[in-house]
Every structure is written in structure tokens, then in C-alpha cells.
Amino acid sequence: MTIEATSHEAGEKNRDFEIIVNSRPYTVPSKTVTYDEITKLAFADWHPEDRYKVTYRKAGHGEWKQLARGHSVEVSDGEEFVVERTHRA
């Protein structure tokens, strides 16, 4: 899946980032990824009405944090995401 870049920082405009989503590696072309982008990577049958719990942590260490619907996060190489489908709205 290709993710369109939504935000660029100087010097990182054309840099790809390696992230892990539900134990699978992905390359994203932007330092900033959104909730929707991460959930689409996790579930091929993604639907906008579905609800997901998205947690992440920096490169396999540190505290797990939650990414809320409608928000984004800046990633670094090795960032881990766990996405779980919760229920339909």
C-alpha cells in the first residue's frame, strides 16, 4: 500500500521510514503518519465506519502510547504499531 505524504520536514522530504504494524514491516514515505493510514496498513478490509485501537512505541522500547482517530504521529525507523479492531460505530 502506498501512503501519500501529508507533511514534510526540511531534509526529510524524500526519506522513507521503516515501521512495524502488527508485526509486519512497512515503508512509509513521510515522517508523519495518520491514524487512518496506520489502520489501512493493518487491515486490508478497512472500512471508515470501523473502530480501531492503535497503540505505538518508539523502536521497540519505551512506553506504549495510544493514537486517537483523527490524529497523526511523527515516526522514526523501527516504530512499532499494534492495531486492533474494536467495534462498528
PDB file of N, CA and C in Angstrom:
ATOM      1  N   MET A   1       0.846  -1.171   0.000  1.00  0.00           N
ATOM      2  CA  MET A   1       0.000   0.000   0.000  1.00  0.00           C
ATOM      3  C   MET A   1       0.890   1.232   0.000  1.00  0.00           C
ATOM      4  N   THR A   2       0.537   2.202  -0.796  1.00  0.00           N
ATOM      5  CA  THR A   2       1.273   3.446  -0.852  1.00  0.00           C
ATOM      6  C   THR A   2       0.528   4.493  -0.043  1.00  0.00           C
ATOM      7  N   ILE A   3       1.281   5.193   0.784  1.00  0.00           N
ATOM      8  CA  ILE A   3       0.699   6.257   1.582  1.00  0.00           C
ATOM      9  C   ILE A   3       1.210   7.573   1.027  1.00  0.00           C
ATOM     10  N   GLU A   4       0.295   8.471   0.722  1.00  0.00           N
ATOM     11  CA  GLU A   4       0.699   9.785   0.257  1.00  0.00           C
ATOM     12  C   GLU A   4       1.246  10.596   1.421  1.00  0.00           C
ATOM     13  N   ALA A   5       2.326  11.284   1.163  1.00  0.00           N
ATOM     14  CA  ALA A   5       2.913  12.126   2.196  1.00  0.00           C
ATOM     15  C   ALA A   5       1.965  13.274   2.506  1.00  0.00           C
ATOM     16  N   THR A   6       1.763  13.525   3.809  1.00  0.00           N
ATOM     17  CA  THR A   6       0.872  14.615   4.200  1.00  0.00           C
ATOM     18  C   THR A   6       1.624  15.766   4.851  1.00  0.00           C
ATOM     19  N   SER A   7       2.839  15.519   5.249  1.00  0.00           N
ATOM     20  CA  SER A   7       3.617  16.547   5.920  1.00  0.00           C
ATOM     21  C   SER A   7       5.095  16.249   5.704  1.00  0.00           C
ATOM     22  N   HIS A   8       5.882  17.284   5.477  1.00  0.00           N
ATOM     23  CA  HIS A   8       7.312  17.083   5.256  1.00  0.00           C
ATOM     24  C   HIS A   8       8.112  18.041   6.120  1.00  0.00           C
ATOM     25  N   GLU A   9       9.221  17.564   6.613  1.00  0.00           N
ATOM     26  CA  GLU A   9      10.140  18.426   7.330  1.00  0.00           C
ATOM     27  C   GLU A   9      11.364  18.622   6.459  1.00  0.00           C
ATOM     28  N   ALA A  10      12.044  19.763   6.602  1.00  0.00           N
ATOM     29  CA  ALA A  10      13.236  20.054   5.817  1.00  0.00           C
ATOM     30  C   ALA A  10      14.247  18.930   5.980  1.00  0.00           C
ATOM     31  N   GLY A  11      14.820  18.494   4.857  1.00  0.00           N
ATOM     32  CA  GLY A  11      15.826  17.444   4.885  1.00  0.00           C
ATOM     33  C   GLY A  11      15.262  16.038   4.948  1.00  0.00           C
ATOM     34  N   GLU A  12      13.977  15.882   5.230  1.00  0.00           N
ATOM     35  CA  GLU A  12      13.381  14.554   5.311  1.00  0.00           C
ATOM     36  C   GLU A  12      12.255  14.393   4.288  1.00  0.00           C
ATOM     37  N   LYS A  13      12.158  15.309   3.368  1.00  0.00           N
ATOM     38  CA  LYS A  13      11.071  15.302   2.396  1.00  0.00           C
ATOM     39  C   LYS A  13      11.013  14.007   1.606  1.00  0.00           C
ATOM     40  N   ASN A  14      12.150  13.506   1.157  1.00  0.00           N
ATOM     41  CA  ASN A  14      12.165  12.319   0.313  1.00  0.00           C
ATOM     42  C   ASN A  14      12.641  11.077   1.047  1.00  0.00           C
ATOM     43  N   ARG A  15      12.676  11.111   2.336  1.00  0.00           N
ATOM     44  CA  ARG A  15      13.170   9.986   3.122  1.00  0.00           C
ATOM     45  C   ARG A  15      12.036   9.025   3.457  1.00  0.00           C
ATOM     46  N   ASP A  16      12.313   7.742   3.308  1.00  0.00           N
ATOM     47  CA  ASP A  16      11.365   6.710   3.705  1.00  0.00           C
ATOM     48  C   ASP A  16      11.647   6.285   5.133  1.00  0.00           C
ATOM     49  N   PHE A  17      10.606   5.840   5.824  1.00  0.00           N
ATOM     50  CA  PHE A  17      10.736   5.362   7.196  1.00  0.00           C
ATOM     51  C   PHE A  17      10.227   3.933   7.269  1.00  0.00           C
ATOM     52  N   GLU A  18      10.964   3.090   7.971  1.00  0.00           N
ATOM     53  CA  GLU A  18      10.590   1.696   8.156  1.00  0.00           C
ATOM     54  C   GLU A  18       9.835   1.587   9.476  1.00  0.00           C
ATOM     55  N   ILE A  19       8.578   1.130   9.413  1.00  0.00           N
ATOM     56  CA  ILE A  19       7.773   0.954  10.623  1.00  0.00           C
ATOM     57  C   ILE A  19       7.259  -0.483  10.670  1.00  0.00           C
ATOM     58  N   ILE A  20       6.782  -0.892  11.835  1.00  0.00           N
ATOM     59  CA  ILE A  20       6.223  -2.222  12.029  1.00  0.00           C
ATOM     60  C   ILE A  20       4.761  -2.052  12.440  1.00  0.00           C
ATOM     61  N   VAL A  21       3.848  -2.694  11.704  1.00  0.00           N
ATOM     62  CA  VAL A  21       2.423  -2.641  12.021  1.00  0.00           C
ATOM     63  C   VAL A  21       1.930  -4.082  12.189  1.00  0.00           C
ATOM     64  N   ASN A  22       1.475  -4.403  13.396  1.00  0.00           N
ATOM     65  CA  ASN A  22       1.017  -5.763  13.710  1.00  0.00           C
ATOM     66  C   ASN A  22       2.052  -6.802  13.278  1.00  0.00           C
ATOM     67  N   SER A  23       3.292  -6.554  13.647  1.00  0.00           N
ATOM     68  CA  SER A  23       4.431  -7.448  13.405  1.00  0.00           C
ATOM     69  C   SER A  23       4.876  -7.547  11.947  1.00  0.00           C
ATOM     70  N   ARG A  24       4.339  -6.711  11.072  1.00  0.00           N
ATOM     71  CA  ARG A  24       4.742  -6.720   9.663  1.00  0.00           C
ATOM     72  C   ARG A  24       5.447  -5.411   9.322  1.00  0.00           C
ATOM     73  N   PRO A  25       6.573  -5.494   8.593  1.00  0.00           N
ATOM     74  CA  PRO A  25       7.307  -4.278   8.222  1.00  0.00           C
ATOM     75  C   PRO A  25       6.649  -3.541   7.056  1.00  0.00           C
ATOM     76  N   TYR A  26       6.665  -2.228   7.123  1.00  0.00           N
ATOM     77  CA  TYR A  26       6.167  -1.368   6.055  1.00  0.00           C
ATOM     78  C   TYR A  26       7.115  -0.195   5.892  1.00  0.00           C
ATOM     79  N   THR A  27       7.166   0.339   4.686  1.00  0.00           N
ATOM     80  CA  THR A  27       7.918   1.552   4.408  1.00  0.00           C
ATOM     81  C   THR A  27       6.911   2.653   4.116  1.00  0.00           C
ATOM     82  N   VAL A  28       7.066   3.771   4.814  1.00  0.00           N
ATOM     83  CA  VAL A  28       6.183   4.920   4.581  1.00  0.00           C
ATOM     84  C   VAL A  28       7.034   6.088   4.098  1.00  0.00           C
ATOM     85  N   PRO A  29       6.509   6.883   3.160  1.00  0.00           N
ATOM     86  CA  PRO A  29       7.292   7.951   2.544  1.00  0.00           C
ATOM     87  C   PRO A  29       7.215   9.298   3.259  1.00  0.00           C
ATOM     88  N   SER A  30       6.773   9.285   4.506  1.00  0.00           N
ATOM     89  CA  SER A  30       6.624  10.535   5.234  1.00  0.00           C
ATOM     90  C   SER A  30       6.937  10.316   6.704  1.00  0.00           C
ATOM     91  N   LYS A  31       7.492  11.322   7.336  1.00  0.00           N
ATOM     92  CA  LYS A  31       7.785  11.232   8.765  1.00  0.00           C
ATOM     93  C   LYS A  31       6.506  11.244   9.598  1.00  0.00           C
ATOM     94  N   THR A  32       5.425  11.783   9.060  1.00  0.00           N
ATOM     95  CA  THR A  32       4.159  11.858   9.776  1.00  0.00           C
ATOM     96  C   THR A  32       3.170  10.872   9.160  1.00  0.00           C
ATOM     97  N   VAL A  33       2.570  10.031  10.010  1.00  0.00           N
ATOM     98  CA  VAL A  33       1.535   9.104   9.549  1.00  0.00           C
ATOM     99  C   VAL A  33       0.281   9.331  10.388  1.00  0.00           C
ATOM    100  N   THR A  34      -0.871   9.086   9.760  1.00  0.00           N
ATOM    101  CA  THR A  34      -2.140   9.331  10.429  1.00  0.00           C
ATOM    102  C   THR A  34      -2.742   8.028  10.955  1.00  0.00           C
ATOM    103  N   TYR A  35      -3.702   8.172  11.818  1.00  0.00           N
ATOM    104  CA  TYR A  35      -4.487   7.049  12.340  1.00  0.00           C
ATOM    105  C   TYR A  35      -5.057   6.224  11.181  1.00  0.00           C
ATOM    106  N   ASP A  36      -5.691   6.890  10.211  1.00  0.00           N
ATOM    107  CA  ASP A  36      -6.282   6.175   9.084  1.00  0.00           C
ATOM    108  C   ASP A  36      -5.231   5.434   8.266  1.00  0.00           C
ATOM    109  N   GLU A  37      -4.089   6.045   8.032  1.00  0.00           N
ATOM    110  CA  GLU A  37      -3.030   5.386   7.274  1.00  0.00           C
ATOM    111  C   GLU A  37      -2.548   4.114   7.975  1.00  0.00           C
ATOM    112  N   ILE A  38      -2.362   4.189   9.274  1.00  0.00           N
ATOM    113  CA  ILE A  38      -1.899   3.024  10.036  1.00  0.00           C
ATOM    114  C   ILE A  38      -2.961   1.928  10.032  1.00  0.00           C
ATOM    115  N   THR A  39      -4.225   2.282  10.232  1.00  0.00           N
ATOM    116  CA  THR A  39      -5.275   1.260  10.268  1.00  0.00           C
ATOM    117  C   THR A  39      -5.471   0.617   8.898  1.00  0.00           C
ATOM    118  N   LYS A  40      -5.278   1.370   7.824  1.00  0.00           N
ATOM    119  CA  LYS A  40      -5.373   0.799   6.479  1.00  0.00           C
ATOM    120  C   LYS A  40      -4.245  -0.200   6.220  1.00  0.00           C
ATOM    121  N   LEU A  41      -3.069   0.052   6.761  1.00  0.00           N
ATOM    122  CA  LEU A  41      -1.978  -0.913   6.634  1.00  0.00           C
ATOM    123  C   LEU A  41      -2.287  -2.193   7.400  1.00  0.00           C
ATOM    124  N   ALA A  42      -2.908  -2.051   8.553  1.00  0.00           N
ATOM    125  CA  ALA A  42      -3.170  -3.198   9.417  1.00  0.00           C
ATOM    126  C   ALA A  42      -4.293  -4.092   8.895  1.00  0.00           C
ATOM    127  N   PHE A  43      -5.298  -3.498   8.249  1.00  0.00           N
ATOM    128  CA  PHE A  43      -6.465  -4.261   7.824  1.00  0.00           C
ATOM    129  C   PHE A  43      -6.791  -3.982   6.365  1.00  0.00           C
ATOM    130  N   ALA A  44      -6.602  -5.001   5.529  1.00  0.00           N
ATOM    131  CA  ALA A  44      -6.886  -4.867   4.099  1.00  0.00           C
ATOM    132  C   ALA A  44      -8.367  -4.582   3.844  1.00  0.00           C
ATOM    133  N   ASP A  45      -9.226  -5.041   4.748  1.00  0.00           N
ATOM    134  CA  ASP A  45     -10.667  -4.807   4.594  1.00  0.00           C
ATOM    135  C   ASP A  45     -11.127  -3.571   5.376  1.00  0.00           C
ATOM    136  N   TRP A  46     -10.235  -2.621   5.537  1.00  0.00           N
ATOM    137  CA  TRP A  46     -10.504  -1.386   6.271  1.00  0.00           C
ATOM    138  C   TRP A  46     -11.796  -0.746   5.769  1.00  0.00           C
ATOM    139  N   HIS A  47     -12.583  -0.257   6.719  1.00  0.00           N
ATOM    140  CA  HIS A  47     -13.815   0.452   6.396  1.00  0.00           C
ATOM    141  C   HIS A  47     -13.892   1.681   7.296  1.00  0.00           C
ATOM    142  N   PRO A  48     -14.300   2.837   6.769  1.00  0.00           N
ATOM    143  CA  PRO A  48     -14.295   4.064   7.572  1.00  0.00           C
ATOM    144  C   PRO A  48     -15.207   4.036   8.795  1.00  0.00           C
ATOM    145  N   GLU A  49     -16.192   3.147   8.814  1.00  0.00           N
ATOM    146  CA  GLU A  49     -17.080   3.068   9.979  1.00  0.00           C
ATOM    147  C   GLU A  49     -16.536   2.171  11.084  1.00  0.00           C
ATOM    148  N   ASP A  50     -15.533   1.374  10.766  1.00  0.00           N
ATOM    149  CA  ASP A  50     -14.939   0.504  11.784  1.00  0.00           C
ATOM    150  C   ASP A  50     -14.136   1.333  12.787  1.00  0.00           C
ATOM    151  N   ARG A  51     -14.013   0.825  13.986  1.00  0.00           N
ATOM    152  CA  ARG A  51     -13.237   1.479  15.044  1.00  0.00           C
ATOM    153  C   ARG A  51     -12.031   0.621  15.367  1.00  0.00           C
ATOM    154  N   TYR A  52     -10.925   1.282  15.643  1.00  0.00           N
ATOM    155  CA  TYR A  52      -9.679   0.584  15.930  1.00  0.00           C
ATOM    156  C   TYR A  52      -9.001   1.183  17.155  1.00  0.00           C
ATOM    157  N   LYS A  53      -8.279   0.354  17.858  1.00  0.00           N
ATOM    158  CA  LYS A  53      -7.411   0.825  18.934  1.00  0.00           C
ATOM    159  C   LYS A  53      -5.991   0.744  18.380  1.00  0.00           C
ATOM    160  N   VAL A  54      -5.311   1.888  18.341  1.00  0.00           N
ATOM    161  CA  VAL A  54      -3.953   1.953  17.795  1.00  0.00           C
ATOM    162  C   VAL A  54      -3.002   2.358  18.913  1.00  0.00           C
ATOM    163  N   THR A  55      -2.041   1.489  19.208  1.00  0.00           N
ATOM    164  CA  THR A  55      -1.003   1.823  20.173  1.00  0.00           C
ATOM    165  C   THR A  55       0.341   1.756  19.471  1.00  0.00           C
ATOM    166  N   TYR A  56       1.309   2.508  19.989  1.00  0.00           N
ATOM    167  CA  TYR A  56       2.630   2.554  19.356  1.00  0.00           C
ATOM    168  C   TYR A  56       3.702   2.837  20.393  1.00  0.00           C
ATOM    169  N   ARG A  57       4.930   2.490  20.012  1.00  0.00           N
ATOM    170  CA  ARG A  57       6.090   2.848  20.820  1.00  0.00           C
ATOM    171  C   ARG A  57       7.291   2.996  19.909  1.00  0.00           C
ATOM    172  N   LYS A  58       8.225   3.776  20.373  1.00  0.00           N
ATOM    173  CA  LYS A  58       9.413   4.096  19.600  1.00  0.00           C
ATOM    174  C   LYS A  58      10.367   2.917  19.523  1.00  0.00           C
ATOM    175  N   ALA A  59      10.580   2.402  18.338  1.00  0.00           N
ATOM    176  CA  ALA A  59      11.621   1.424  18.023  1.00  0.00           C
ATOM    177  C   ALA A  59      11.800   0.328  19.063  1.00  0.00           C
ATOM    178  N   GLY A  60      10.717  -0.228  19.560  1.00  0.00           N
ATOM    179  CA  GLY A  60      10.800  -1.378  20.443  1.00  0.00           C
ATOM    180  C   GLY A  60      11.150  -1.099  21.890  1.00  0.00           C
ATOM    181  N   HIS A  61      11.142   0.154  22.279  1.00  0.00           N
ATOM    182  CA  HIS A  61      11.392   0.472  23.686  1.00  0.00           C
ATOM    183  C   HIS A  61      10.538   1.672  24.085  1.00  0.00           C
ATOM    184  N   GLY A  62      10.427   1.861  25.349  1.00  0.00           N
ATOM    185  CA  GLY A  62       9.628   2.975  25.843  1.00  0.00           C
ATOM    186  C   GLY A  62       8.198   2.568  26.124  1.00  0.00           C
ATOM    187  N   GLU A  63       7.460   3.514  26.573  1.00  0.00           N
ATOM    188  CA  GLU A  63       6.073   3.306  26.977  1.00  0.00           C
ATOM    189  C   GLU A  63       5.149   3.269  25.758  1.00  0.00           C
ATOM    190  N   TRP A  64       4.155   2.373  25.792  1.00  0.00           N
ATOM    191  CA  TRP A  64       3.146   2.329  24.740  1.00  0.00           C
ATOM    192  C   TRP A  64       2.229   3.539  24.881  1.00  0.00           C
ATOM    193  N   LYS A  65       1.907   4.175  23.757  1.00  0.00           N
ATOM    194  CA  LYS A  65       1.004   5.324  23.724  1.00  0.00           C
ATOM    195  C   LYS A  65      -0.126   5.010  22.760  1.00  0.00           C
ATOM    196  N   GLN A  66      -1.236   5.700  22.925  1.00  0.00           N
ATOM    197  CA  GLN A  66      -2.380   5.466  22.051  1.00  0.00           C
ATOM    198  C   GLN A  66      -2.487   6.589  21.022  1.00  0.00           C
ATOM    199  N   LEU A  67      -2.791   6.208  19.788  1.00  0.00           N
ATOM    200  CA  LEU A  67      -3.018   7.162  18.708  1.00  0.00           C
ATOM    201  C   LEU A  67      -4.522   7.237  18.471  1.00  0.00           C
ATOM    202  N   ALA A  68      -5.087   8.398  18.663  1.00  0.00           N
ATOM    203  CA  ALA A  68      -6.539   8.585  18.549  1.00  0.00           C
ATOM    204  C   ALA A  68      -6.958   8.846  17.106  1.00  0.00           C
ATOM    205  N   ARG A  69      -8.188   8.461  16.807  1.00  0.00           N
ATOM    206  CA  ARG A  69      -8.776   8.706  15.485  1.00  0.00           C
ATOM    207  C   ARG A  69      -8.691  10.201  15.168  1.00  0.00           C
ATOM    208  N   GLY A  70      -8.299  10.499  13.942  1.00  0.00           N
ATOM    209  CA  GLY A  70      -8.196  11.895  13.514  1.00  0.00           C
ATOM    210  C   GLY A  70      -6.855  12.540  13.828  1.00  0.00           C
ATOM    211  N   HIS A  71      -5.954  11.805  14.474  1.00  0.00           N
ATOM    212  CA  HIS A  71      -4.653  12.350  14.832  1.00  0.00           C
ATOM    213  C   HIS A  71      -3.536  11.685  14.031  1.00  0.00           C
ATOM    214  N   SER A  72      -2.339  12.233  14.162  1.00  0.00           N
ATOM    215  CA  SER A  72      -1.167  11.694  13.481  1.00  0.00           C
ATOM    216  C   SER A  72      -0.007  11.647  14.464  1.00  0.00           C
ATOM    217  N   VAL A  73       1.061  10.981  14.052  1.00  0.00           N
ATOM    218  CA  VAL A  73       2.252  10.871  14.884  1.00  0.00           C
ATOM    219  C   VAL A  73       3.480  10.919  13.982  1.00  0.00           C
ATOM    220  N   GLU A  74       4.551  11.527  14.490  1.00  0.00           N
ATOM    221  CA  GLU A  74       5.812  11.506  13.773  1.00  0.00           C
ATOM    222  C   GLU A  74       6.508  10.195  14.092  1.00  0.00           C
ATOM    223  N   VAL A  75       7.006   9.522  13.055  1.00  0.00           N
ATOM    224  CA  VAL A  75       7.637   8.228  13.246  1.00  0.00           C
ATOM    225  C   VAL A  75       9.142   8.305  13.079  1.00  0.00           C
ATOM    226  N   SER A  76       9.792   7.276  13.603  1.00  0.00           N
ATOM    227  CA  SER A  76      11.207   7.060  13.368  1.00  0.00           C
ATOM    228  C   SER A  76      11.361   5.623  12.916  1.00  0.00           C
ATOM    229  N   ASP A  77      12.497   5.281  12.342  1.00  0.00           N
ATOM    230  CA  ASP A  77      12.716   3.911  11.906  1.00  0.00           C
ATOM    231  C   ASP A  77      12.538   2.951  13.071  1.00  0.00           C
ATOM    232  N   GLY A  78      11.818   1.874  12.820  1.00  0.00           N
ATOM    233  CA  GLY A  78      11.598   0.861  13.843  1.00  0.00           C
ATOM    234  C   GLY A  78      10.405   1.100  14.735  1.00  0.00           C
ATOM    235  N   GLU A  79       9.668   2.163  14.517  1.00  0.00           N
ATOM    236  CA  GLU A  79       8.470   2.447  15.318  1.00  0.00           C
ATOM    237  C   GLU A  79       7.501   1.272  15.202  1.00  0.00           C
ATOM    238  N   GLU A  80       6.940   0.841  16.321  1.00  0.00           N
ATOM    239  CA  GLU A  80       6.020  -0.291  16.342  1.00  0.00           C
ATOM    240  C   GLU A  80       4.594   0.175  16.582  1.00  0.00           C
ATOM    241  N   PHE A  81       3.667  -0.402  15.823  1.00  0.00           N
ATOM    242  CA  PHE A  81       2.240  -0.119  15.980  1.00  0.00           C
ATOM    243  C   PHE A  81       1.492  -1.427  16.160  1.00  0.00           C
ATOM    244  N   VAL A  82       0.522  -1.425  17.068  1.00  0.00           N
ATOM    245  CA  VAL A  82      -0.389  -2.552  17.235  1.00  0.00           C
ATOM    246  C   VAL A  82      -1.790  -2.000  17.008  1.00  0.00           C
ATOM    247  N   VAL A  83      -2.499  -2.604  16.053  1.00  0.00           N
ATOM    248  CA  VAL A  83      -3.837  -2.137  15.695  1.00  0.00           C
ATOM    249  C   VAL A  83      -4.818  -3.276  15.921  1.00  0.00           C
ATOM    250  N   GLU A  84      -5.859  -2.969  16.706  1.00  0.00           N
ATOM    251  CA  GLU A  84      -6.899  -3.949  16.994  1.00  0.00           C
ATOM    252  C   GLU A  84      -8.245  -3.373  16.586  1.00  0.00           C
ATOM    253  N   ARG A  85      -9.036  -4.178  15.890  1.00  0.00           N
ATOM    254  CA  ARG A  85     -10.401  -3.744  15.539  1.00  0.00           C
ATOM    255  C   ARG A  85     -11.241  -3.872  16.798  1.00  0.00           C
ATOM    256  N   THR A  86     -12.041  -2.860  17.114  1.00  0.00           N
ATOM    257  CA  THR A  86     -12.823  -2.910  18.350  1.00  0.00           C
ATOM    258  C   THR A  86     -14.304  -3.165  18.065  1.00  0.00           C
ATOM    259  N   HIS A  87     -14.996  -2.254  17.421  1.00  0.00           N
ATOM    260  CA  HIS A  87     -16.408  -2.442  17.090  1.00  0.00           C
ATOM    261  C   HIS A  87     -16.832  -1.415  16.059  1.00  0.00           C
ATOM    262  N   ARG A  88     -17.961  -1.632  15.465  1.00  0.00           N
ATOM    263  CA  ARG A  88     -18.509  -0.684  14.499  1.00  0.00           C
ATOM    264  C   ARG A  88     -19.268   0.412  15.190  1.00  0.00           C
ATOM    265  N   ALA A  89     -19.185   1.603  14.654  1.00  0.00           N
ATOM    266  CA  ALA A  89     -19.883   2.753  15.228  1.00  0.00           C
ATOM    267  C   ALA A  89     -21.353   2.703  14.921  1.00  0.00           C
TER     268      ALA A  89
END
